[in-house]
Amino acid sequence: MKKTLLILIPIAVILVVGLLLYWFSSPIIEDGYSKKNGIVHFAGNRIEIEMDYADYDTFEILGGIANDMTNQDCMWDNYTGLYAKDKNNIYYNSRTLKNADLNSFEYIERYYAKDRNAVYFAGIKLEDAELNSLEFINCDYLKDKQYVFYGNQKIEGADPDTFVILNDFFRKDKNSVYYENRSPNYEVIKLANADPDSFSIINPYYSKDKKRVYYKHTDPDSLLITVHTIEVADADTFKIVDDNEVFAKDNKYAYLHGQVLKGLDGPSFDIVGGFYKDKNSVYYGNSKLSGADPKTFTAFPGQFYGKDANSAYQMASPIFGIDLETFQPLECLGSCWLTKDKNNIYYTNKIIENADLDTFHYVSAGYSKDKYNFYWQGKVIENADIETFKIFDYYNIYAKDKNKFYKDGKEMTQEELKDLQDEVSGLMEYSQNKYKEFFKFD
């Protein structure tokens, strides 16, 4: 008997410990919910809640979205919305859905669900939804035999039989064209006077039908999206003329961001590198290039330099004192402002004295070099050792040679190095290690 007890006691202890470990562990059911210390937890949308009112043993997920960002075309993908149930209740995230029918409740798609009495979006009942004819369309659109719904809103006048999603922004049916505005409120807006039969999307900004051209504008501050009709545009001859898809023209006018470029001739309008022109003038940004000849004007690679038969230009400003035939920008990333001709190297159109034409080249950030010197923004870095000179690739305003450290092309003092070391001590470990390796900080 004692032997039996001695055998059973350890087994019982193991079983109890196992049950306790199970009870107090934190198995993840699915993103958004977890079980811990005998309680169901919900975490999502910047909140975490203990659902001590949920039944731990019978709690299960029905479906939903858990902040997975799997479909960038859908508006709510950064919002966790999950349906769950236990033996007593239906839940949306951490909220109990009162009056939801436990026996008939079922998940539909994304944030939609239903029971025998109602349809729900994000846990909110949809008014007027007809249960027996429900059809999920896409993203956050649902329809029945009478209505189309966007989220928990009914789209007034939308025809469910012909309603289609055109892209991540436009929708249409047999009667109208609609667009989705996500700020400040999520809503679907009817595009006034648009013809759905002939409506087409040109690019992310422009669209048109057989009579009108439209431009989609997003306010950079409020993110409010509006679509306005370009009243003077000719739909038949309207076309995009640049790779960034914001310049356009028709048989009369030129356009930028849906606005008429006043004074420009549409038929002869063209983009030339970072410049644009018509038969009369050349422009950079909002400025006309004084005296520029549009017939002979060409642009260099990049966005900032061009020339015609008479002059070269940096953006809208003419460049004087150069050899026009051999003038060209140096190859670099972005705007290094380095150019050359057969006689000189230039930084912001000023001669870099004694620079070697054959070996001068751009290196990184503000640094350039030839066989004699390193330069910072066109100025010689005095007494730098060219053989050991090295630029800090992690933050390239800094450099060093065998004798000194430099910042913005100037020798760093011991005080500046000490201040930098103190500053670096507060950075993340990865960044600290980069600085320590380059500067040999302790």
Protein backbone atom coordinates (compact mmCIF):
# COMPACT_ATOMS: atom_id res chain seq x y z
CA MET A 1 0.00 0.00 0.00
CA LYS A 2 2.81 2.39 0.93
CA LYS A 3 4.59 1.55 -2.32
CA THR A 4 1.42 2.30 -4.28
CA LEU A 5 1.03 5.65 -2.50
CA LEU A 6 4.66 6.49 -3.17
CA ILE A 7 4.07 5.87 -6.87
CA LEU A 8 0.73 7.74 -7.07
CA ILE A 9 1.81 10.84 -5.17
CA PRO A 10 4.50 11.92 -7.72
CA ILE A 11 2.06 11.22 -10.58
CA ALA A 12 -0.58 13.37 -8.90
CA VAL A 13 1.94 16.15 -8.32
CA ILE A 14 2.98 16.06 -11.98
CA LEU A 15 -0.66 16.23 -13.09
CA VAL A 16 -1.43 19.17 -10.82
CA VAL A 17 1.68 21.05 -11.90
CA GLY A 18 0.83 20.36 -15.53
CA LEU A 19 -2.70 21.70 -15.08
CA LEU A 20 -1.40 24.80 -13.30
CA LEU A 21 1.13 25.42 -16.04
CA TYR A 22 -1.59 25.08 -18.65
CA TRP A 23 -3.95 27.33 -16.70
CA PHE A 24 -1.41 30.09 -16.06
CA SER A 25 0.48 29.93 -19.35
CA SER A 26 -0.08 32.36 -22.25
CA PRO A 27 -0.94 30.37 -25.35
CA ILE A 28 -1.75 32.65 -28.28
CA ILE A 29 -5.06 31.74 -29.87
CA GLU A 30 -4.63 34.18 -32.74
CA ASP A 31 -3.27 37.69 -33.25
CA GLY A 32 -5.29 39.99 -31.02
CA TYR A 33 -6.31 37.43 -28.38
CA SER A 34 -4.34 35.44 -25.82
CA LYS A 35 -5.08 33.35 -22.74
CA LYS A 36 -3.14 34.10 -19.60
CA ASN A 37 -3.61 33.33 -15.92
CA GLY A 38 -7.05 31.92 -16.55
CA ILE A 39 -8.26 35.06 -18.33
CA VAL A 40 -8.81 35.90 -22.01
CA HIS A 41 -6.88 39.00 -23.11
CA PHE A 42 -7.44 41.26 -26.10
CA ALA A 43 -4.63 43.46 -27.46
CA GLY A 44 -5.07 45.67 -30.49
CA ASN A 45 -5.61 49.22 -31.70
CA ARG A 46 -3.27 50.51 -28.97
CA ILE A 47 -5.25 49.02 -26.11
CA GLU A 48 -4.94 45.88 -23.99
CA ILE A 49 -7.89 44.59 -22.00
CA GLU A 50 -8.46 41.68 -19.63
CA MET A 51 -11.70 40.02 -20.69
CA ASP A 52 -12.50 38.50 -17.30
CA TYR A 53 -16.15 38.37 -18.38
CA ALA A 54 -15.37 35.87 -21.17
CA ASP A 55 -15.49 32.13 -20.52
CA TYR A 56 -11.91 30.90 -20.66
CA ASP A 57 -12.57 27.29 -21.62
CA THR A 58 -15.07 27.84 -24.45
CA PHE A 59 -13.62 31.03 -25.93
CA GLU A 60 -12.86 30.75 -29.67
CA ILE A 61 -12.11 32.98 -32.66
CA LEU A 62 -14.67 33.27 -35.45
CA GLY A 63 -12.67 35.47 -37.82
CA GLY A 64 -11.59 39.00 -38.65
CA ILE A 65 -8.57 41.15 -39.42
CA ALA A 66 -5.66 41.41 -37.00
CA ASN A 67 -3.60 44.35 -38.23
CA ASP A 68 -1.86 42.27 -40.88
CA MET A 69 -1.72 44.85 -43.67
CA THR A 70 -2.17 42.09 -46.25
CA ASN A 71 -4.22 44.22 -48.64
CA GLN A 72 -2.91 47.74 -49.11
CA ASP A 73 -5.96 48.62 -51.23
CA CYS A 74 -8.31 48.25 -48.27
CA MET A 75 -8.77 51.07 -45.82
CA TRP A 76 -8.98 49.30 -42.47
CA ASP A 77 -6.05 46.88 -42.70
CA ASN A 78 -4.13 48.63 -39.92
CA TYR A 79 -7.12 48.19 -37.60
CA THR A 80 -7.66 45.00 -35.63
CA GLY A 81 -11.26 43.80 -35.84
CA LEU A 82 -11.97 40.28 -34.59
CA TYR A 83 -15.13 38.34 -33.86
CA ALA A 84 -15.11 35.66 -31.16
CA LYS A 85 -17.53 33.73 -28.98
CA ASP A 86 -17.83 31.63 -25.86
CA LYS A 87 -20.73 29.59 -24.49
CA ASN A 88 -22.52 32.78 -23.42
CA ASN A 89 -21.75 35.66 -25.78
CA ILE A 90 -20.50 36.99 -29.09
CA TYR A 91 -17.61 39.48 -28.99
CA TYR A 92 -16.16 42.08 -31.32
CA ASN A 93 -12.61 42.70 -30.12
CA SER A 94 -13.18 43.11 -26.37
CA ARG A 95 -16.79 44.29 -26.63
CA THR A 96 -19.77 42.04 -25.98
CA LEU A 97 -22.35 42.22 -28.77
CA LYS A 98 -25.56 42.39 -26.81
CA ASN A 99 -28.57 40.77 -28.46
CA ALA A 100 -26.40 38.95 -31.02
CA ASP A 101 -27.76 35.45 -31.58
CA LEU A 102 -25.19 32.96 -30.35
CA ASN A 103 -26.48 29.96 -32.28
CA SER A 104 -26.74 31.56 -35.72
CA PHE A 105 -23.87 34.03 -35.57
CA GLU A 106 -21.30 33.60 -38.34
CA TYR A 107 -18.34 35.49 -39.73
CA ILE A 108 -18.64 36.70 -43.35
CA GLU A 109 -15.44 38.45 -44.46
CA ARG A 110 -13.05 41.09 -43.14
CA TYR A 111 -15.09 43.17 -40.62
CA TYR A 112 -18.50 41.78 -41.59
CA ALA A 113 -20.54 39.16 -39.73
CA LYS A 114 -24.21 38.21 -39.39
CA ASP A 115 -26.76 36.28 -37.38
CA ARG A 116 -30.39 35.44 -38.08
CA ASN A 117 -31.47 38.95 -37.11
CA ALA A 118 -28.84 41.41 -38.33
CA VAL A 119 -25.68 42.14 -40.30
CA TYR A 120 -22.69 43.69 -38.55
CA PHE A 121 -19.73 45.79 -39.62
CA ALA A 122 -17.05 46.20 -36.97
CA GLY A 123 -19.60 45.05 -34.44
CA ILE A 124 -22.17 47.68 -35.50
CA LYS A 125 -25.54 46.66 -36.94
CA LEU A 126 -26.18 47.67 -40.55
CA GLU A 127 -29.52 49.33 -41.01
CA ASP A 128 -31.70 47.97 -43.83
CA ALA A 129 -29.40 45.09 -44.80
CA GLU A 130 -31.32 42.15 -46.27
CA LEU A 131 -29.97 38.93 -44.76
CA ASN A 132 -30.89 36.45 -47.47
CA SER A 133 -29.22 38.28 -50.38
CA LEU A 134 -25.91 39.35 -48.88
CA GLU A 135 -22.84 39.34 -51.08
CA PHE A 136 -19.35 40.48 -50.10
CA ILE A 137 -17.83 42.62 -52.88
CA ASN A 138 -14.30 43.60 -51.89
CA CYS A 139 -12.43 45.27 -49.05
CA ASP A 140 -15.14 46.93 -46.98
CA TYR A 141 -18.01 46.76 -49.46
CA LEU A 142 -21.05 44.54 -49.09
CA LYS A 143 -24.31 44.46 -51.01
CA ASP A 144 -27.74 42.93 -50.89
CA LYS A 145 -30.53 42.97 -53.47
CA GLN A 146 -31.39 46.61 -52.67
CA TYR A 147 -28.33 48.43 -51.35
CA VAL A 148 -24.55 48.74 -51.43
CA PHE A 149 -22.78 49.27 -48.11
CA TYR A 150 -19.38 50.79 -47.41
CA GLY A 151 -18.37 49.86 -43.91
CA ASN A 152 -21.45 50.64 -41.85
CA GLN A 153 -22.74 53.24 -44.34
CA LYS A 154 -25.34 52.76 -47.02
CA ILE A 155 -24.27 54.33 -50.34
CA GLU A 156 -27.33 56.30 -51.33
CA GLY A 157 -28.49 55.61 -54.88
CA ALA A 158 -25.88 52.94 -55.64
CA ASP A 159 -27.13 50.08 -57.84
CA PRO A 160 -26.11 46.71 -56.33
CA ASP A 161 -26.43 44.79 -59.61
CA THR A 162 -23.87 46.91 -61.49
CA PHE A 163 -21.67 48.28 -58.69
CA VAL A 164 -17.97 47.51 -59.26
CA ILE A 165 -14.61 48.42 -57.73
CA LEU A 166 -12.38 50.10 -60.36
CA ASN A 167 -9.24 50.56 -58.28
CA ASP A 168 -8.32 51.46 -54.71
CA PHE A 169 -10.10 54.80 -55.08
CA PHE A 170 -12.82 54.80 -57.77
CA ARG A 171 -16.06 52.77 -57.97
CA LYS A 172 -18.98 52.93 -60.36
CA ASP A 173 -22.38 51.51 -61.24
CA LYS A 174 -24.65 52.00 -64.24
CA ASN A 175 -25.69 55.44 -63.05
CA SER A 176 -22.73 57.10 -61.34
CA VAL A 177 -19.02 57.21 -60.58
CA TYR A 178 -17.91 57.31 -56.93
CA TYR A 179 -14.66 57.91 -55.08
CA GLU A 180 -13.56 56.95 -51.62
CA ASN A 181 -12.50 59.71 -49.23
CA ARG A 182 -10.64 58.50 -46.14
CA SER A 183 -10.10 61.78 -44.29
CA PRO A 184 -11.47 63.22 -42.10
CA ASN A 185 -14.30 60.64 -42.29
CA TYR A 186 -14.49 57.45 -44.29
CA GLU A 187 -17.13 58.04 -46.94
CA VAL A 188 -18.01 57.36 -50.56
CA ILE A 189 -18.74 60.47 -52.62
CA LYS A 190 -20.55 60.66 -55.95
CA LEU A 191 -18.46 62.34 -58.68
CA ALA A 192 -20.82 64.95 -60.04
CA ASN A 193 -21.75 64.69 -63.73
CA ALA A 194 -19.34 61.84 -64.48
CA ASP A 195 -20.42 59.41 -67.19
CA PRO A 196 -19.93 55.84 -65.89
CA ASP A 197 -20.05 54.20 -69.34
CA SER A 198 -17.06 56.15 -70.68
CA PHE A 199 -15.21 56.79 -67.42
CA SER A 200 -11.58 55.66 -67.39
CA ILE A 201 -8.65 56.07 -65.02
CA ILE A 202 -5.60 57.60 -66.70
CA ASN A 203 -3.13 57.43 -63.79
CA PRO A 204 -3.18 57.93 -59.99
CA TYR A 205 -4.08 61.61 -60.45
CA TYR A 206 -6.07 62.03 -63.66
CA SER A 207 -9.22 60.37 -64.97
CA LYS A 208 -11.73 61.22 -67.68
CA ASP A 209 -14.95 60.37 -69.45
CA LYS A 210 -16.16 61.29 -72.92
CA LYS A 211 -16.78 64.92 -71.96
CA ARG A 212 -14.66 65.82 -68.93
CA VAL A 213 -11.24 65.41 -67.33
CA TYR A 214 -10.84 65.04 -63.56
CA TYR A 215 -7.96 65.54 -61.14
CA LYS A 216 -7.56 63.84 -57.77
CA HIS A 217 -6.03 66.12 -55.14
CA THR A 218 -4.87 65.08 -51.66
CA ASP A 219 -4.39 67.89 -49.15
CA PRO A 220 -0.93 67.34 -47.60
CA ASP A 221 -2.05 68.54 -44.16
CA SER A 222 -5.55 67.15 -43.64
CA LEU A 223 -5.17 64.27 -46.17
CA LEU A 224 -8.63 65.24 -47.42
CA ILE A 225 -9.12 63.89 -50.94
CA THR A 226 -11.11 65.84 -53.51
CA VAL A 227 -11.73 65.20 -57.19
CA HIS A 228 -12.36 68.28 -59.26
CA THR A 229 -13.36 68.70 -62.88
CA ILE A 230 -10.80 70.49 -65.06
CA GLU A 231 -13.43 72.64 -66.70
CA VAL A 232 -11.42 73.79 -69.73
CA ALA A 233 -9.77 70.44 -70.54
CA ASP A 234 -10.56 68.68 -73.80
CA ALA A 235 -11.16 65.01 -73.04
CA ASP A 236 -10.44 63.82 -76.60
CA THR A 237 -6.95 65.31 -76.83
CA PHE A 238 -5.92 65.21 -73.15
CA LYS A 239 -2.74 63.25 -72.43
CA ILE A 240 0.02 62.89 -69.83
CA VAL A 241 3.46 64.15 -70.83
CA ASP A 242 5.85 63.27 -67.97
CA ASP A 243 7.09 60.21 -66.09
CA ASN A 244 5.84 61.59 -62.76
CA GLU A 245 2.35 61.73 -64.27
CA VAL A 246 1.47 65.23 -63.05
CA PHE A 247 2.04 67.27 -66.25
CA ALA A 248 -0.53 67.01 -69.02
CA LYS A 249 -1.73 68.84 -72.11
CA ASP A 250 -4.55 68.99 -74.63
CA ASN A 251 -5.18 70.88 -77.88
CA LYS A 252 -5.21 74.25 -76.08
CA TYR A 253 -3.60 74.18 -72.64
CA ALA A 254 -0.84 72.70 -70.51
CA TYR A 255 -1.56 71.47 -66.97
CA LEU A 256 0.31 70.79 -63.74
CA HIS A 257 -1.50 69.02 -60.89
CA GLY A 258 -4.79 69.66 -62.65
CA GLN A 259 -4.25 73.42 -62.92
CA VAL A 260 -3.76 75.33 -66.17
CA LEU A 261 -0.21 76.60 -66.69
CA LYS A 262 -1.09 80.11 -67.75
CA GLY A 263 0.50 81.43 -70.90
CA LEU A 264 1.74 78.09 -72.21
CA ASP A 265 0.74 76.59 -75.53
CA GLY A 266 -0.78 73.12 -75.13
CA PRO A 267 0.02 71.53 -78.50
CA SER A 268 3.76 72.40 -78.31
CA PHE A 269 4.15 71.80 -74.57
CA ASP A 270 6.82 69.27 -73.62
CA ILE A 271 8.94 68.12 -70.68
CA VAL A 272 12.72 68.40 -71.08
CA GLY A 273 14.49 66.78 -68.12
CA GLY A 274 13.74 68.94 -65.09
CA PHE A 275 12.53 71.76 -67.34
CA TYR A 276 9.45 72.27 -69.49
CA LYS A 277 8.85 74.35 -72.60
CA ASP A 278 6.47 75.30 -75.36
CA LYS A 279 7.08 76.91 -78.75
CA ASN A 280 7.70 80.28 -77.11
CA SER A 281 9.64 79.79 -73.84
CA VAL A 282 11.50 77.49 -71.45
CA TYR A 283 10.61 77.18 -67.74
CA TYR A 284 12.02 75.76 -64.55
CA GLY A 285 9.44 75.44 -61.77
CA ASN A 286 7.42 78.64 -61.86
CA SER A 287 10.20 80.68 -63.49
CA LYS A 288 10.73 81.48 -67.15
CA LEU A 289 14.33 81.20 -68.38
CA SER A 290 15.09 84.65 -69.67
CA GLY A 291 16.22 84.54 -73.28
CA ALA A 292 16.21 80.75 -73.54
CA ASP A 293 15.60 79.34 -77.02
CA PRO A 294 13.02 76.52 -76.89
CA LYS A 295 14.00 75.22 -80.34
CA THR A 296 17.58 74.39 -79.31
CA PHE A 297 17.11 73.84 -75.58
CA THR A 298 18.19 70.47 -74.17
CA ALA A 299 18.54 69.22 -70.61
CA PHE A 300 21.42 67.34 -69.05
CA PRO A 301 20.73 64.16 -67.06
CA GLY A 302 19.32 65.05 -63.66
CA GLN A 303 16.98 67.86 -62.79
CA PHE A 304 19.01 71.06 -62.63
CA TYR A 305 21.05 71.89 -65.75
CA GLY A 306 20.25 72.62 -69.37
CA LYS A 307 21.52 74.64 -72.31
CA ASP A 308 20.50 76.08 -75.66
CA ALA A 309 22.48 77.53 -78.56
CA ASN A 310 23.38 80.62 -76.57
CA SER A 311 23.70 79.82 -72.87
CA ALA A 312 23.73 77.22 -70.13
CA TYR A 313 21.36 77.28 -67.15
CA GLN A 314 21.35 76.07 -63.57
CA MET A 315 17.64 75.77 -62.93
CA ALA A 316 16.26 79.16 -64.05
CA SER A 317 19.56 81.08 -63.84
CA PRO A 318 21.93 81.57 -66.77
CA ILE A 319 25.57 80.56 -66.25
CA PHE A 320 28.19 83.02 -67.42
CA GLY A 321 31.89 82.69 -68.29
CA ILE A 322 31.89 79.06 -69.41
CA ASP A 323 32.75 77.25 -72.61
CA LEU A 324 29.25 76.38 -73.76
CA GLU A 325 30.23 73.65 -76.20
CA THR A 326 32.07 71.52 -73.58
CA PHE A 327 30.03 72.47 -70.51
CA GLN A 328 28.46 69.58 -68.59
CA PRO A 329 27.49 68.59 -65.01
CA LEU A 330 29.65 66.03 -63.21
CA GLU A 331 28.10 62.67 -62.46
CA CYS A 332 26.84 62.54 -58.88
CA LEU A 333 23.88 61.53 -56.76
CA GLY A 334 21.29 64.27 -56.36
CA SER A 335 22.50 67.87 -56.49
CA CYS A 336 26.28 68.13 -55.98
CA TRP A 337 26.41 71.40 -58.02
CA LEU A 338 29.67 70.38 -59.71
CA THR A 339 30.16 71.13 -63.42
CA LYS A 340 33.04 71.42 -65.83
CA ASP A 341 34.10 72.58 -69.28
CA LYS A 342 37.38 72.25 -71.20
CA ASN A 343 38.97 74.90 -69.01
CA ASN A 344 37.71 74.57 -65.42
CA ILE A 345 35.85 72.69 -62.71
CA TYR A 346 33.00 74.67 -61.11
CA TYR A 347 31.10 74.46 -57.83
CA THR A 348 27.82 76.43 -57.93
CA ASN A 349 29.17 78.02 -61.12
CA LYS A 350 32.32 79.37 -59.43
CA ILE A 351 35.73 78.18 -60.57
CA ILE A 352 37.54 75.74 -58.27
CA GLU A 353 41.04 77.12 -58.59
CA ASN A 354 43.80 74.69 -59.64
CA ALA A 355 41.47 71.67 -59.77
CA ASP A 356 42.83 68.97 -62.08
CA LEU A 357 40.45 68.56 -65.03
CA ASP A 358 41.44 65.00 -65.88
CA THR A 359 41.13 63.45 -62.40
CA PHE A 360 38.57 65.60 -60.58
CA HIS A 361 35.43 63.69 -59.61
CA TYR A 362 32.60 63.63 -57.11
CA VAL A 363 33.04 61.20 -54.17
CA SER A 364 30.22 61.45 -51.63
CA ALA A 365 27.91 64.04 -50.07
CA GLY A 366 29.89 67.32 -50.24
CA TYR A 367 33.23 65.62 -50.93
CA SER A 368 35.11 65.48 -54.23
CA LYS A 369 38.75 64.88 -55.16
CA ASP A 370 41.45 65.02 -57.81
CA LYS A 371 44.96 63.62 -57.82
CA TYR A 372 46.19 66.46 -55.61
CA ASN A 373 43.45 67.27 -53.09
CA PHE A 374 40.21 66.38 -51.39
CA TYR A 375 37.49 69.06 -51.52
CA TRP A 376 34.43 69.92 -49.46
CA GLN A 377 31.78 71.86 -51.38
CA GLY A 378 34.37 73.06 -53.86
CA LYS A 379 36.97 74.17 -51.32
CA VAL A 380 40.31 72.42 -50.76
CA ILE A 381 40.57 70.59 -47.43
CA GLU A 382 43.88 72.04 -46.31
CA ASN A 383 46.70 69.61 -45.44
CA ALA A 384 44.52 66.52 -45.83
CA ASP A 385 46.49 63.35 -46.55
CA ILE A 386 45.00 62.18 -49.83
CA GLU A 387 46.38 58.63 -49.58
CA THR A 388 44.69 57.84 -46.22
CA PHE A 389 41.66 60.12 -46.48
CA LYS A 390 38.45 58.22 -45.75
CA ILE A 391 34.81 59.31 -45.53
CA PHE A 392 32.59 57.97 -42.73
CA ASP A 393 30.05 55.92 -44.68
CA TYR A 394 27.54 55.88 -41.82
CA TYR A 395 27.26 59.69 -41.66
CA ASN A 396 29.27 61.24 -44.45
CA ILE A 397 29.72 64.77 -43.14
CA TYR A 398 32.63 63.18 -41.24
CA ALA A 399 35.98 62.05 -42.63
CA LYS A 400 39.50 61.25 -41.44
CA ASP A 401 43.06 60.70 -42.58
CA LYS A 402 46.09 59.34 -40.72
CA ASN A 403 46.48 62.61 -38.83
CA LYS A 404 43.06 64.23 -38.28
CA PHE A 405 39.30 63.96 -38.16
CA TYR A 406 37.11 66.28 -40.25
CA LYS A 407 33.53 67.55 -40.17
CA ASP A 408 32.11 69.40 -43.16
CA GLY A 409 35.63 69.57 -44.58
CA LYS A 410 37.16 71.25 -41.53
CA GLU A 411 39.54 69.77 -38.99
CA MET A 412 37.77 68.79 -35.76
CA THR A 413 39.13 70.13 -32.48
CA GLN A 414 39.62 67.93 -29.43
CA GLU A 415 36.65 69.65 -27.83
CA GLU A 416 34.46 68.84 -30.83
CA LEU A 417 35.59 65.20 -30.73
CA LYS A 418 34.79 65.03 -27.00
CA ASP A 419 31.33 66.52 -27.59
CA LEU A 420 30.72 63.99 -30.38
CA GLN A 421 31.79 61.11 -28.15
CA ASP A 422 29.35 62.26 -25.45
CA GLU A 423 26.59 62.52 -28.04
CA VAL A 424 27.34 59.07 -29.43
CA SER A 425 27.07 57.49 -25.98
CA GLY A 426 23.32 58.11 -26.10
CA LEU A 427 22.77 56.33 -29.42
CA MET A 428 21.57 52.80 -30.07
CA GLU A 429 24.27 50.12 -29.80
CA TYR A 430 24.54 49.59 -33.55
CA SER A 431 25.14 53.31 -34.16
CA GLN A 432 27.57 53.54 -31.25
CA ASN A 433 29.64 50.73 -32.71
CA LYS A 434 29.83 52.45 -36.10
CA TYR A 435 31.16 55.65 -34.51
CA LYS A 436 33.54 53.81 -32.19
CA GLU A 437 35.04 51.87 -35.08
CA PHE A 438 35.62 54.99 -37.19
CA PHE A 439 36.68 57.44 -34.48
CA LYS A 440 38.36 54.86 -32.20
CA PHE A 441 36.26 55.99 -29.26
CA ASP A 442 36.62 53.92 -26.07
